Amino acid sequence: MPQLNPNPWLSMMLTAWLVLSLILQPKVLSFTSTNTPSHKTPTPAKATPWTWPWT
C-alpha cells in the first residue's frame, strides 16, 4: 500500500511545515494592522419596513 510508505511524502511535508512555521509565520505576524479599532459606541440600526408590491 503506497499510503503507508512515508518515503515520498514525509520529507516534503516536514519541509513545508518548517518553512511555513519558522520563516513565513513571523513575517506575517510582524505586519501591523492599518485599520486600528476605534472605541466608538455603536449606533442602533434603523429598521424600515419593507413594502411588498403585491399586497
Protein backbone atom coordinates (compact mmCIF):
# COMPACT_ATOMS: atom_id res chain seq x y z
CA MET A 1 0.00 0.00 0.00
CA PRO A 2 1.63 3.27 -1.06
CA GLN A 3 -0.15 5.28 1.66
CA LEU A 4 1.86 3.51 4.36
CA ASN A 5 5.20 4.23 2.72
CA PRO A 6 6.31 7.58 4.21
CA ASN A 7 9.35 7.87 1.98
CA PRO A 8 8.00 10.10 -0.83
CA TRP A 9 5.80 12.50 1.11
CA LEU A 10 7.06 12.70 4.69
CA SER A 11 10.14 14.77 3.91
CA MET A 12 8.15 17.19 1.76
CA MET A 13 5.50 17.59 4.45
CA LEU A 14 8.09 18.28 7.15
CA THR A 15 9.96 20.72 4.92
CA ALA A 16 6.77 22.61 4.07
CA TRP A 17 5.70 22.68 7.72
CA LEU A 18 9.08 24.01 8.83
CA VAL A 19 9.10 26.69 6.10
CA LEU A 20 5.60 27.81 6.99
CA SER A 21 6.11 27.85 10.74
CA LEU A 22 9.67 29.14 11.03
CA ILE A 23 10.01 31.52 8.07
CA LEU A 24 6.61 32.71 6.88
CA GLN A 25 4.72 32.94 10.18
CA PRO A 26 7.00 35.56 11.79
CA LYS A 27 6.91 37.62 8.61
CA VAL A 28 3.12 37.61 8.50
CA LEU A 29 2.76 38.30 12.21
CA SER A 30 5.09 41.30 12.00
CA PHE A 31 2.63 43.24 9.82
CA THR A 32 0.69 45.91 11.64
CA SER A 33 -2.97 46.39 11.04
CA THR A 34 -3.75 49.57 9.10
CA ASN A 35 -7.30 49.70 10.40
CA THR A 36 -6.98 50.15 14.13
CA PRO A 37 -10.21 49.54 16.05
CA SER A 38 -11.93 52.62 17.36
CA HIS A 39 -13.75 52.96 20.65
CA LYS A 40 -16.92 54.49 19.28
CA THR A 41 -20.26 53.46 20.67
CA PRO A 42 -22.29 51.58 18.08
CA THR A 43 -25.33 53.39 16.74
CA PRO A 44 -28.53 51.35 16.57
CA ALA A 45 -29.57 50.33 13.09
CA LYS A 46 -32.70 51.98 11.78
CA ALA A 47 -35.16 49.30 10.67
CA THR A 48 -37.51 50.40 7.92
CA PRO A 49 -40.44 48.18 6.98
CA TRP A 50 -40.41 46.62 3.55
CA THR A 51 -43.38 47.38 1.36
CA TRP A 52 -44.33 44.41 -0.75
CA PRO A 53 -45.70 45.45 -4.16
CA TRP A 54 -48.16 42.53 -4.40
CA THR A 55 -50.01 43.13 -1.14
